PDB file of N, CA and C in Angstrom:
ATOM      1  N   UNK A   1      22.678-120.154-132.507  1.00  0.00           N
ATOM      2  CA  UNK A   1      23.470-119.000-132.355  1.00  0.00           C
ATOM      3  C   UNK A   1      22.834-118.333-132.980  1.00  0.00           C
ATOM      4  N   UNK A   2      22.463-116.845-132.135  1.00  0.00           N
ATOM      5  CA  UNK A   2      21.425-115.384-132.706  1.00  0.00           C
ATOM      6  C   UNK A   2      22.480-114.703-134.605  1.00  0.00           C
ATOM      7  N   UNK A   3      21.460-114.275-135.006  1.00  0.00           N
ATOM      8  CA  UNK A   3      22.703-113.193-135.519  1.00  0.00           C
ATOM      9  C   UNK A   3      23.188-112.997-135.709  1.00  0.00           C
ATOM     10  N   UNK A   4      23.195-111.768-134.403  1.00  0.00           N
ATOM     11  CA  UNK A   4      24.365-110.738-134.261  1.00  0.00           C
ATOM     12  C   UNK A   4      25.510-112.017-133.788  1.00  0.00           C
ATOM     13  N   UNK A   5      25.187-112.786-132.967  1.00  0.00           N
ATOM     14  CA  UNK A   5      27.084-113.971-133.018  1.00  0.00           C
ATOM     15  C   UNK A   5      27.513-114.342-134.374  1.00  0.00           C
ATOM     16  N   UNK A   6      26.650-114.876-135.068  1.00  0.00           N
ATOM     17  CA  UNK A   6      26.694-115.087-136.774  1.00  0.00           C
ATOM     18  C   UNK A   6      28.231-113.831-137.258  1.00  0.00           C
ATOM     19  N   UNK A   7      27.462-112.430-136.599  1.00  0.00           N
ATOM     20  CA  UNK A   7      27.636-111.094-137.688  1.00  0.00           C
ATOM     21  C   UNK A   7      29.703-111.250-137.179  1.00  0.00           C
ATOM     22  N   UNK A   8      29.925-111.392-135.387  1.00  0.00           N
ATOM     23  CA  UNK A   8      30.625-111.473-134.681  1.00  0.00           C
ATOM     24  C   UNK A   8      31.318-112.384-135.096  1.00  0.00           C
ATOM     25  N   UNK A   9      31.564-113.202-135.128  1.00  0.00           N
ATOM     26  CA  UNK A   9      32.168-115.521-135.356  1.00  0.00           C
ATOM     27  C   UNK A   9      32.321-114.744-136.817  1.00  0.00           C
ATOM     28  N   UNK A  10      31.284-114.436-137.562  1.00  0.00           N
ATOM     29  CA  UNK A  10      31.707-114.546-139.015  1.00  0.00           C
ATOM     30  C   UNK A  10      33.165-113.478-139.792  1.00  0.00           C
ATOM     31  N   UNK A  11      32.270-112.575-138.950  1.00  0.00           N
ATOM     32  CA  UNK A  11      32.734-110.851-139.552  1.00  0.00           C
ATOM     33  C   UNK A  11      34.529-110.742-138.654  1.00  0.00           C
ATOM     34  N   UNK A  12      34.721-111.071-137.029  1.00  0.00           N
ATOM     35  CA  UNK A  12      35.579-110.765-136.354  1.00  0.00           C
ATOM     36  C   UNK A  12      36.039-111.612-136.013  1.00  0.00           C
ATOM     37  N   UNK A  13      37.393-111.947-136.292  1.00  0.00           N
ATOM     38  CA  UNK A  13      38.529-113.077-135.930  1.00  0.00           C
ATOM     39  C   UNK A  13      39.532-112.797-135.100  1.00  0.00           C
ATOM     40  N   UNK A  14      40.193-112.528-134.421  1.00  0.00           N
ATOM     41  CA  UNK A  14      40.871-112.366-133.349  1.00  0.00           C
ATOM     42  C   UNK A  14      42.356-112.662-133.904  1.00  0.00           C
ATOM     43  N   UNK A  15      42.529-113.287-134.655  1.00  0.00           N
ATOM     44  CA  UNK A  15      43.404-113.689-135.687  1.00  0.00           C
ATOM     45  C   UNK A  15      43.860-112.826-136.580  1.00  0.00           C
ATOM     46  N   UNK A  16      42.869-112.048-137.277  1.00  0.00           N
ATOM     47  CA  UNK A  16      43.622-111.299-138.164  1.00  0.00           C
ATOM     48  C   UNK A  16      43.499-109.691-137.602  1.00  0.00           C
ATOM     49  N   UNK A  17      42.896-109.570-136.009  1.00  0.00           N
ATOM     50  CA  UNK A  17      43.402-108.911-135.975  1.00  0.00           C
ATOM     51  C   UNK A  17      45.071-108.240-135.529  1.00  0.00           C
ATOM     52  N   UNK A  18      45.814-106.770-136.425  1.00  0.00           N
ATOM     53  CA  UNK A  18      46.524-106.401-136.560  1.00  0.00           C
ATOM     54  C   UNK A  18      46.568-105.621-134.981  1.00  0.00           C
ATOM     55  N   UNK A  19      48.243-106.148-134.243  1.00  0.00           N
ATOM     56  CA  UNK A  19      48.702-105.205-132.987  1.00  0.00           C
ATOM     57  C   UNK A  19      49.810-104.293-133.672  1.00  0.00           C
ATOM     58  N   UNK A  20      48.931-103.204-133.295  1.00  0.00           N
ATOM     59  CA  UNK A  20      50.167-101.810-133.766  1.00  0.00           C
ATOM     60  C   UNK A  20      51.221-101.809-132.938  1.00  0.00           C
ATOM     61  N   UNK A  21      52.842-101.690-133.396  1.00  0.00           N
ATOM     62  CA  UNK A  21      53.782-101.739-133.567  1.00  0.00           C
ATOM     63  C   UNK A  21      53.966-100.730-131.984  1.00  0.00           C
ATOM     64  N   UNK A  22      55.008-101.149-130.915  1.00  0.00           N
ATOM     65  CA  UNK A  22      54.441 -99.773-129.728  1.00  0.00           C
ATOM     66  C   UNK A  22      53.744 -99.442-129.200  1.00  0.00           C
ATOM     67  N   UNK A  23      52.473-100.596-129.335  1.00  0.00           N
ATOM     68  CA  UNK A  23      51.019-100.392-128.588  1.00  0.00           C
ATOM     69  C   UNK A  23      50.846-100.614-127.187  1.00  0.00           C
ATOM     70  N   UNK A  24      50.121-100.230-126.333  1.00  0.00           N
ATOM     71  CA  UNK A  24      49.977-100.391-125.437  1.00  0.00           C
ATOM     72  C   UNK A  24      49.075-102.410-125.593  1.00  0.00           C
ATOM     73  N   UNK A  25      48.516-102.557-126.097  1.00  0.00           N
ATOM     74  CA  UNK A  25      47.991-103.779-126.903  1.00  0.00           C
ATOM     75  C   UNK A  25      49.427-104.781-127.219  1.00  0.00           C
ATOM     76  N   UNK A  26      50.304-104.477-127.647  1.00  0.00           N
ATOM     77  CA  UNK A  26      51.371-105.104-127.981  1.00  0.00           C
ATOM     78  C   UNK A  26      52.529-105.085-126.232  1.00  0.00           C
ATOM     79  N   UNK A  27      51.938-103.968-125.576  1.00  0.00           N
ATOM     80  CA  UNK A  27      52.841-104.473-124.723  1.00  0.00           C
ATOM     81  C   UNK A  27      52.716-105.540-123.639  1.00  0.00           C
ATOM     82  N   UNK A  28      51.168-105.250-123.063  1.00  0.00           N
ATOM     83  CA  UNK A  28      50.065-106.360-122.773  1.00  0.00           C
ATOM     84  C   UNK A  28      50.853-107.389-123.462  1.00  0.00           C
ATOM     85  N   UNK A  29      50.849-107.637-124.478  1.00  0.00           N
ATOM     86  CA  UNK A  29      50.484-109.370-125.253  1.00  0.00           C
ATOM     87  C   UNK A  29      51.908-109.543-125.037  1.00  0.00           C
ATOM     88  N   UNK A  30      53.352-108.923-124.956  1.00  0.00           N
ATOM     89  CA  UNK A  30      54.671-108.974-125.388  1.00  0.00           C
ATOM     90  C   UNK A  30      54.491-109.944-123.565  1.00  0.00           C
ATOM     91  N   UNK A  31      54.894-109.334-122.424  1.00  0.00           N
ATOM     92  CA  UNK A  31      54.044-109.257-120.876  1.00  0.00           C
ATOM     93  C   UNK A  31      53.737-110.550-120.760  1.00  0.00           C
ATOM     94  N   UNK A  32      52.753-110.740-121.162  1.00  0.00           N
ATOM     95  CA  UNK A  32      51.970-111.774-120.999  1.00  0.00           C
ATOM     96  C   UNK A  32      52.318-112.871-121.444  1.00  0.00           C
ATOM     97  N   UNK A  33      53.279-113.060-122.742  1.00  0.00           N
ATOM     98  CA  UNK A  33      53.533-114.054-123.522  1.00  0.00           C
ATOM     99  C   UNK A  33      55.194-114.711-122.411  1.00  0.00           C
ATOM    100  N   UNK A  34      55.780-113.350-121.981  1.00  0.00           N
ATOM    101  CA  UNK A  34      57.043-114.006-121.277  1.00  0.00           C
ATOM    102  C   UNK A  34      56.808-114.315-119.940  1.00  0.00           C
ATOM    103  N   UNK A  35      55.888-114.055-119.382  1.00  0.00           N
ATOM    104  CA  UNK A  35      55.356-114.343-118.097  1.00  0.00           C
ATOM    105  C   UNK A  35      54.837-116.217-118.101  1.00  0.00           C
ATOM    106  N   UNK A  36      54.151-115.872-119.288  1.00  0.00           N
ATOM    107  CA  UNK A  36      53.295-117.419-119.391  1.00  0.00           C
ATOM    108  C   UNK A  36      54.419-118.050-119.947  1.00  0.00           C
ATOM    109  N   UNK A  37      55.730-117.912-120.545  1.00  0.00           N
ATOM    110  CA  UNK A  37      56.233-118.884-120.913  1.00  0.00           C
ATOM    111  C   UNK A  37      57.444-119.549-118.927  1.00  0.00           C
ATOM    112  N   UNK A  38      57.761-118.313-118.169  1.00  0.00           N
ATOM    113  CA  UNK A  38      57.821-118.074-117.949  1.00  0.00           C
ATOM    114  C   UNK A  38      57.664-119.241-115.957  1.00  0.00           C
ATOM    115  N   UNK A  39      56.379-119.256-115.914  1.00  0.00           N
ATOM    116  CA  UNK A  39      55.136-119.554-115.567  1.00  0.00           C
ATOM    117  C   UNK A  39      55.321-121.368-115.880  1.00  0.00           C
ATOM    118  N   UNK A  40      55.138-121.665-117.528  1.00  0.00           N
ATOM    119  CA  UNK A  40      55.163-123.291-117.318  1.00  0.00           C
ATOM    120  C   UNK A  40      56.879-123.325-117.259  1.00  0.00           C
ATOM    121  N   UNK A  41      57.709-123.445-117.160  1.00  0.00           N
ATOM    122  CA  UNK A  41      58.416-123.621-116.882  1.00  0.00           C
ATOM    123  C   UNK A  41      59.360-124.089-115.670  1.00  0.00           C
ATOM    124  N   UNK A  42      58.660-123.326-114.492  1.00  0.00           N
ATOM    125  CA  UNK A  42      58.740-123.111-113.314  1.00  0.00           C
ATOM    126  C   UNK A  42      57.351-125.030-112.622  1.00  0.00           C
ATOM    127  N   UNK A  43      56.694-125.038-114.383  1.00  0.00           N
ATOM    128  CA  UNK A  43      55.277-126.131-113.335  1.00  0.00           C
ATOM    129  C   UNK A  43      55.925-127.432-113.994  1.00  0.00           C
ATOM    130  N   UNK A  44      55.608-128.629-113.762  1.00  0.00           N
ATOM    131  CA  UNK A  44      55.494-129.856-113.939  1.00  0.00           C
ATOM    132  C   UNK A  44      54.600-130.375-114.967  1.00  0.00           C
ATOM    133  N   UNK A  45      54.838-131.061-115.854  1.00  0.00           N
ATOM    134  CA  UNK A  45      54.151-131.390-116.898  1.00  0.00           C
ATOM    135  C   UNK A  45      52.529-131.808-116.808  1.00  0.00           C
ATOM    136  N   UNK A  46      52.131-132.689-115.542  1.00  0.00           N
ATOM    137  CA  UNK A  46      50.761-132.606-115.112  1.00  0.00           C
ATOM    138  C   UNK A  46      49.934-130.784-115.101  1.00  0.00           C
ATOM    139  N   UNK A  47      50.553-129.914-114.227  1.00  0.00           N
ATOM    140  CA  UNK A  47      51.292-128.444-113.734  1.00  0.00           C
ATOM    141  C   UNK A  47      50.685-127.497-114.611  1.00  0.00           C
ATOM    142  N   UNK A  48      51.374-127.613-115.617  1.00  0.00           N
ATOM    143  CA  UNK A  48      51.031-127.639-117.623  1.00  0.00           C
ATOM    144  C   UNK A  48      49.589-127.285-118.059  1.00  0.00           C
ATOM    145  N   UNK A  49      49.603-128.992-118.440  1.00  0.00           N
ATOM    146  CA  UNK A  49      48.431-128.874-118.741  1.00  0.00           C
ATOM    147  C   UNK A  49      47.264-128.175-117.754  1.00  0.00           C
ATOM    148  N   UNK A  50      47.249-128.467-116.652  1.00  0.00           N
ATOM    149  CA  UNK A  50      46.211-127.781-116.043  1.00  0.00           C
ATOM    150  C   UNK A  50      46.158-125.994-116.449  1.00  0.00           C
ATOM    151  N   UNK A  51      47.275-124.908-116.492  1.00  0.00           N
ATOM    152  CA  UNK A  51      47.600-123.722-116.693  1.00  0.00           C
ATOM    153  C   UNK A  51      46.816-123.867-118.377  1.00  0.00           C
ATOM    154  N   UNK A  52      47.305-124.556-118.656  1.00  0.00           N
ATOM    155  CA  UNK A  52      46.553-124.254-120.525  1.00  0.00           C
ATOM    156  C   UNK A  52      45.546-124.567-120.721  1.00  0.00           C
ATOM    157  N   UNK A  53      44.103-125.712-119.798  1.00  0.00           N
ATOM    158  CA  UNK A  53      43.378-126.004-119.519  1.00  0.00           C
ATOM    159  C   UNK A  53      42.692-124.721-119.585  1.00  0.00           C
ATOM    160  N   UNK A  54      43.380-124.033-118.164  1.00  0.00           N
ATOM    161  CA  UNK A  54      42.604-122.509-117.689  1.00  0.00           C
ATOM    162  C   UNK A  54      42.377-121.552-118.418  1.00  0.00           C
ATOM    163  N   UNK A  55      43.826-121.701-119.056  1.00  0.00           N
ATOM    164  CA  UNK A  55      44.014-120.693-120.475  1.00  0.00           C
ATOM    165  C   UNK A  55      43.095-120.874-121.500  1.00  0.00           C
ATOM    166  N   UNK A  56      42.957-121.352-121.922  1.00  0.00           N
ATOM    167  CA  UNK A  56      41.886-122.233-122.799  1.00  0.00           C
ATOM    168  C   UNK A  56      40.287-121.470-122.267  1.00  0.00           C
ATOM    169  N   UNK A  57      40.087-122.234-120.792  1.00  0.00           N
ATOM    170  CA  UNK A  57      38.623-121.830-120.807  1.00  0.00           C
ATOM    171  C   UNK A  57      38.126-120.284-120.400  1.00  0.00           C
ATOM    172  N   UNK A  58      38.945-119.245-119.820  1.00  0.00           N
ATOM    173  CA  UNK A  58      39.525-118.645-120.486  1.00  0.00           C
ATOM    174  C   UNK A  58      39.221-117.303-121.174  1.00  0.00           C
ATOM    175  N   UNK A  59      40.335-117.342-121.955  1.00  0.00           N
ATOM    176  CA  UNK A  59      39.693-117.806-124.055  1.00  0.00           C
ATOM    177  C   UNK A  59      38.089-117.260-123.879  1.00  0.00           C
ATOM    178  N   UNK A  60      38.114-118.268-123.448  1.00  0.00           N
ATOM    179  CA  UNK A  60      36.677-118.726-123.999  1.00  0.00           C
ATOM    180  C   UNK A  60      35.112-117.997-123.435  1.00  0.00           C
ATOM    181  N   UNK A  61      35.391-117.942-122.023  1.00  0.00           N
ATOM    182  CA  UNK A  61      35.162-117.159-121.608  1.00  0.00           C
ATOM    183  C   UNK A  61      35.343-115.816-121.892  1.00  0.00           C
ATOM    184  N   UNK A  62      36.293-114.527-122.175  1.00  0.00           N
ATOM    185  CA  UNK A  62      37.023-113.653-122.812  1.00  0.00           C
ATOM    186  C   UNK A  62      35.962-113.876-124.415  1.00  0.00           C
ATOM    187  N   UNK A  63      35.871-114.587-125.245  1.00  0.00           N
ATOM    188  CA  UNK A  63      35.191-114.556-127.003  1.00  0.00           C
ATOM    189  C   UNK A  63      34.028-113.827-126.279  1.00  0.00           C
ATOM    190  N   UNK A  64      33.562-114.818-125.424  1.00  0.00           N
ATOM    191  CA  UNK A  64      31.937-114.401-125.122  1.00  0.00           C
ATOM    192  C   UNK A  64      31.494-113.336-124.411  1.00  0.00           C
ATOM    193  N   UNK A  65      32.482-113.179-123.620  1.00  0.00           N
ATOM    194  CA  UNK A  65      32.152-111.551-123.189  1.00  0.00           C
ATOM    195  C   UNK A  65      31.989-110.805-124.086  1.00  0.00           C
ATOM    196  N   UNK A  66      33.485-110.510-124.932  1.00  0.00           N
ATOM    197  CA  UNK A  66      32.868-110.197-126.326  1.00  0.00           C
ATOM    198  C   UNK A  66      32.224-109.484-127.319  1.00  0.00           C
ATOM    199  N   UNK A  67      31.306-110.954-127.849  1.00  0.00           N
ATOM    200  CA  UNK A  67      29.951-111.413-128.318  1.00  0.00           C
ATOM    201  C   UNK A  67      29.318-111.051-127.027  1.00  0.00           C
ATOM    202  N   UNK A  68      28.917-111.006-125.687  1.00  0.00           N
ATOM    203  CA  UNK A  68      27.835-110.189-126.114  1.00  0.00           C
ATOM    204  C   UNK A  68      28.255-108.922-125.399  1.00  0.00           C
ATOM    205  N   UNK A  69      28.813-108.213-124.789  1.00  0.00           N
ATOM    206  CA  UNK A  69      29.396-106.866-125.091  1.00  0.00           C
ATOM    207  C   UNK A  69      28.998-105.773-126.906  1.00  0.00           C
ATOM    208  N   UNK A  70      29.373-106.657-128.064  1.00  0.00           N
ATOM    209  CA  UNK A  70      29.001-106.882-129.007  1.00  0.00           C
ATOM    210  C   UNK A  70      27.517-106.302-129.609  1.00  0.00           C
ATOM    211  N   UNK A  71      26.810-107.339-128.538  1.00  0.00           N
ATOM    212  CA  UNK A  71      25.546-107.605-128.677  1.00  0.00           C
ATOM    213  C   UNK A  71      24.588-106.553-127.836  1.00  0.00           C
ATOM    214  N   UNK A  72      25.186-106.039-127.257  1.00  0.00           N
ATOM    215  CA  UNK A  72      24.138-104.540-126.448  1.00  0.00           C
ATOM    216  C   UNK A  72      24.908-104.057-127.140  1.00  0.00           C
ATOM    217  N   UNK A  73      25.649-103.260-127.225  1.00  0.00           N
ATOM    218  CA  UNK A  73      25.849-102.045-128.147  1.00  0.00           C
ATOM    219  C   UNK A  73      25.733-102.160-129.721  1.00  0.00           C
ATOM    220  N   UNK A  74      25.400-102.936-130.165  1.00  0.00           N
ATOM    221  CA  UNK A  74      24.143-102.964-130.862  1.00  0.00           C
ATOM    222  C   UNK A  74      23.124-102.845-131.015  1.00  0.00           C
ATOM    223  N   UNK A  75      22.513-103.725-129.766  1.00  0.00           N
ATOM    224  CA  UNK A  75      20.740-103.555-129.473  1.00  0.00           C
ATOM    225  C   UNK A  75      20.437-101.854-129.508  1.00  0.00           C
ATOM    226  N   UNK A  76      21.553-101.295-128.248  1.00  0.00           N
ATOM    227  CA  UNK A  76      21.734 -99.550-128.109  1.00  0.00           C
ATOM    228  C   UNK A  76      21.529 -98.483-129.367  1.00  0.00           C
ATOM    229  N   UNK A  77      22.545 -98.998-130.154  1.00  0.00           N
ATOM    230  CA  UNK A  77      22.503 -98.354-130.984  1.00  0.00           C
ATOM    231  C   UNK A  77      21.752 -98.600-131.662  1.00  0.00           C
ATOM    232  N   UNK A  78      21.139 -99.723-132.344  1.00  0.00           N
ATOM    233  CA  UNK A  78      19.448 -99.398-132.675  1.00  0.00           C
ATOM    234  C   UNK A  78      18.152 -98.680-131.510  1.00  0.00           C
ATOM    235  N   UNK A  79      18.350 -98.782-130.842  1.00  0.00           N
ATOM    236  CA  UNK A  79      17.107 -98.445-129.858  1.00  0.00           C
ATOM    237  C   UNK A  79      17.569 -96.839-130.055  1.00  0.00           C
ATOM    238  N   UNK A  80      18.807 -96.735-130.345  1.00  0.00           N
ATOM    239  CA  UNK A  80      18.719 -94.744-130.443  1.00  0.00           C
ATOM    240  C   UNK A  80      18.891 -94.390-132.052  1.00  0.00           C
ATOM    241  N   UNK A  81      19.207 -95.376-132.244  1.00  0.00           N
ATOM    242  CA  UNK A  81      18.285 -95.229-134.670  1.00  0.00           C
ATOM    243  C   UNK A  81      17.095 -94.867-134.080  1.00  0.00           C
ATOM    244  N   UNK A  82      15.847 -96.132-133.589  1.00  0.00           N
ATOM    245  CA  UNK A  82      15.039 -95.776-133.582  1.00  0.00           C
ATOM    246  C   UNK A  82      14.167 -94.435-132.956  1.00  0.00           C
ATOM    247  N   UNK A  83      15.005 -94.421-131.979  1.00  0.00           N
ATOM    248  CA  UNK A  83      14.654 -93.576-131.039  1.00  0.00           C
ATOM    249  C   UNK A  83      14.853 -92.038-131.705  1.00  0.00           C
ATOM    250  N   UNK A  84      15.713 -91.155-132.837  1.00  0.00           N
ATOM    251  CA  UNK A  84      16.049 -90.292-133.667  1.00  0.00           C
ATOM    252  C   UNK A  84      14.715 -90.300-134.439  1.00  0.00           C
ATOM    253  N   UNK A  85      14.803 -91.510-135.398  1.00  0.00           N
ATOM    254  CA  UNK A  85      13.663 -91.691-135.905  1.00  0.00           C
ATOM    255  C   UNK A  85      12.316 -91.337-135.474  1.00  0.00           C
ATOM    256  N   UNK A  86      12.191 -91.749-134.362  1.00  0.00           N
ATOM    257  CA  UNK A  86       9.954 -91.176-134.272  1.00  0.00           C
ATOM    258  C   UNK A  86      10.206 -90.299-133.599  1.00  0.00           C
ATOM    259  N   UNK A  87      11.895 -89.635-133.359  1.00  0.00           N
ATOM    260  CA  UNK A  87      11.453 -87.926-132.915  1.00  0.00           C
ATOM    261  C   UNK A  87      11.337 -87.208-134.488  1.00  0.00           C
ATOM    262  N   UNK A  88      11.877 -87.937-134.861  1.00  0.00           N
ATOM    263  CA  UNK A  88      12.229 -87.154-136.329  1.00  0.00           C
ATOM    264  C   UNK A  88      10.890 -86.329-137.418  1.00  0.00           C
ATOM    265  N   UNK A  89      10.725 -85.351-137.202  1.00  0.00           N
ATOM    266  CA  UNK A  89       9.830 -85.284-137.901  1.00  0.00           C
ATOM    267  C   UNK A  89       9.561 -84.598-139.762  1.00  0.00           C
ATOM    268  N   UNK A  90       9.282 -86.028-140.486  1.00  0.00           N
ATOM    269  CA  UNK A  90       9.262 -86.199-141.686  1.00  0.00           C
ATOM    270  C   UNK A  90       8.094 -85.429-141.900  1.00  0.00           C
ATOM    271  N   UNK A  91       8.225 -85.029-143.216  1.00  0.00           N
ATOM    272  CA  UNK A  91       7.265 -84.912-144.324  1.00  0.00           C
ATOM    273  C   UNK A  91       6.690 -85.544-145.219  1.00  0.00           C
ATOM    274  N   UNK A  92       5.473 -85.173-144.847  1.00  0.00           N
ATOM    275  CA  UNK A  92       3.951 -85.747-145.034  1.00  0.00           C
ATOM    276  C   UNK A  92       3.864 -86.385-146.171  1.00  0.00           C
ATOM    277  N   UNK A  93       3.623 -87.190-146.833  1.00  0.00           N
ATOM    278  CA  UNK A  93       3.444 -87.580-147.480  1.00  0.00           C
ATOM    279  C   UNK A  93       2.115 -87.199-149.101  1.00  0.00           C
ATOM    280  N   UNK A  94       1.839 -86.414-148.849  1.00  0.00           N
ATOM    281  CA  UNK A  94       1.259 -85.050-149.361  1.00  0.00           C
ATOM    282  C   UNK A  94       2.234 -83.822-150.016  1.00  0.00           C
ATOM    283  N   UNK A  95       3.152 -83.747-149.129  1.00  0.00           N
ATOM    284  CA  UNK A  95       4.407 -83.008-149.328  1.00  0.00           C
ATOM    285  C   UNK A  95       4.842 -82.785-150.213  1.00  0.00           C
ATOM    286  N   UNK A  96       5.780 -83.985-150.341  1.00  0.00           N
ATOM    287  CA  UNK A  96       6.584 -84.726-150.831  1.00  0.00           C
ATOM    288  C   UNK A  96       6.748 -84.228-152.737  1.00  0.00           C
TER     289      UNK A  96
END
């Protein structure tokens, strides 16, 4: 596991994120829960198990995608900082 993955996984837990009341995210989560419950009610026990396994895999894909986006953003920010520092006119040691 890379250092950035460790920072992401230990520093940002999806369970700890608060969803603002009335936000678009809250509305989407409520819709997701309602539709998921409706779908499960229509499925047999075996189909429900398969549906839940599919959701678990999808959640893993989302998590990995978030980690990769975090790493990319962090890398781009670091490259931007390096570029800014390289182009900045820093005083010579004799001038200090």
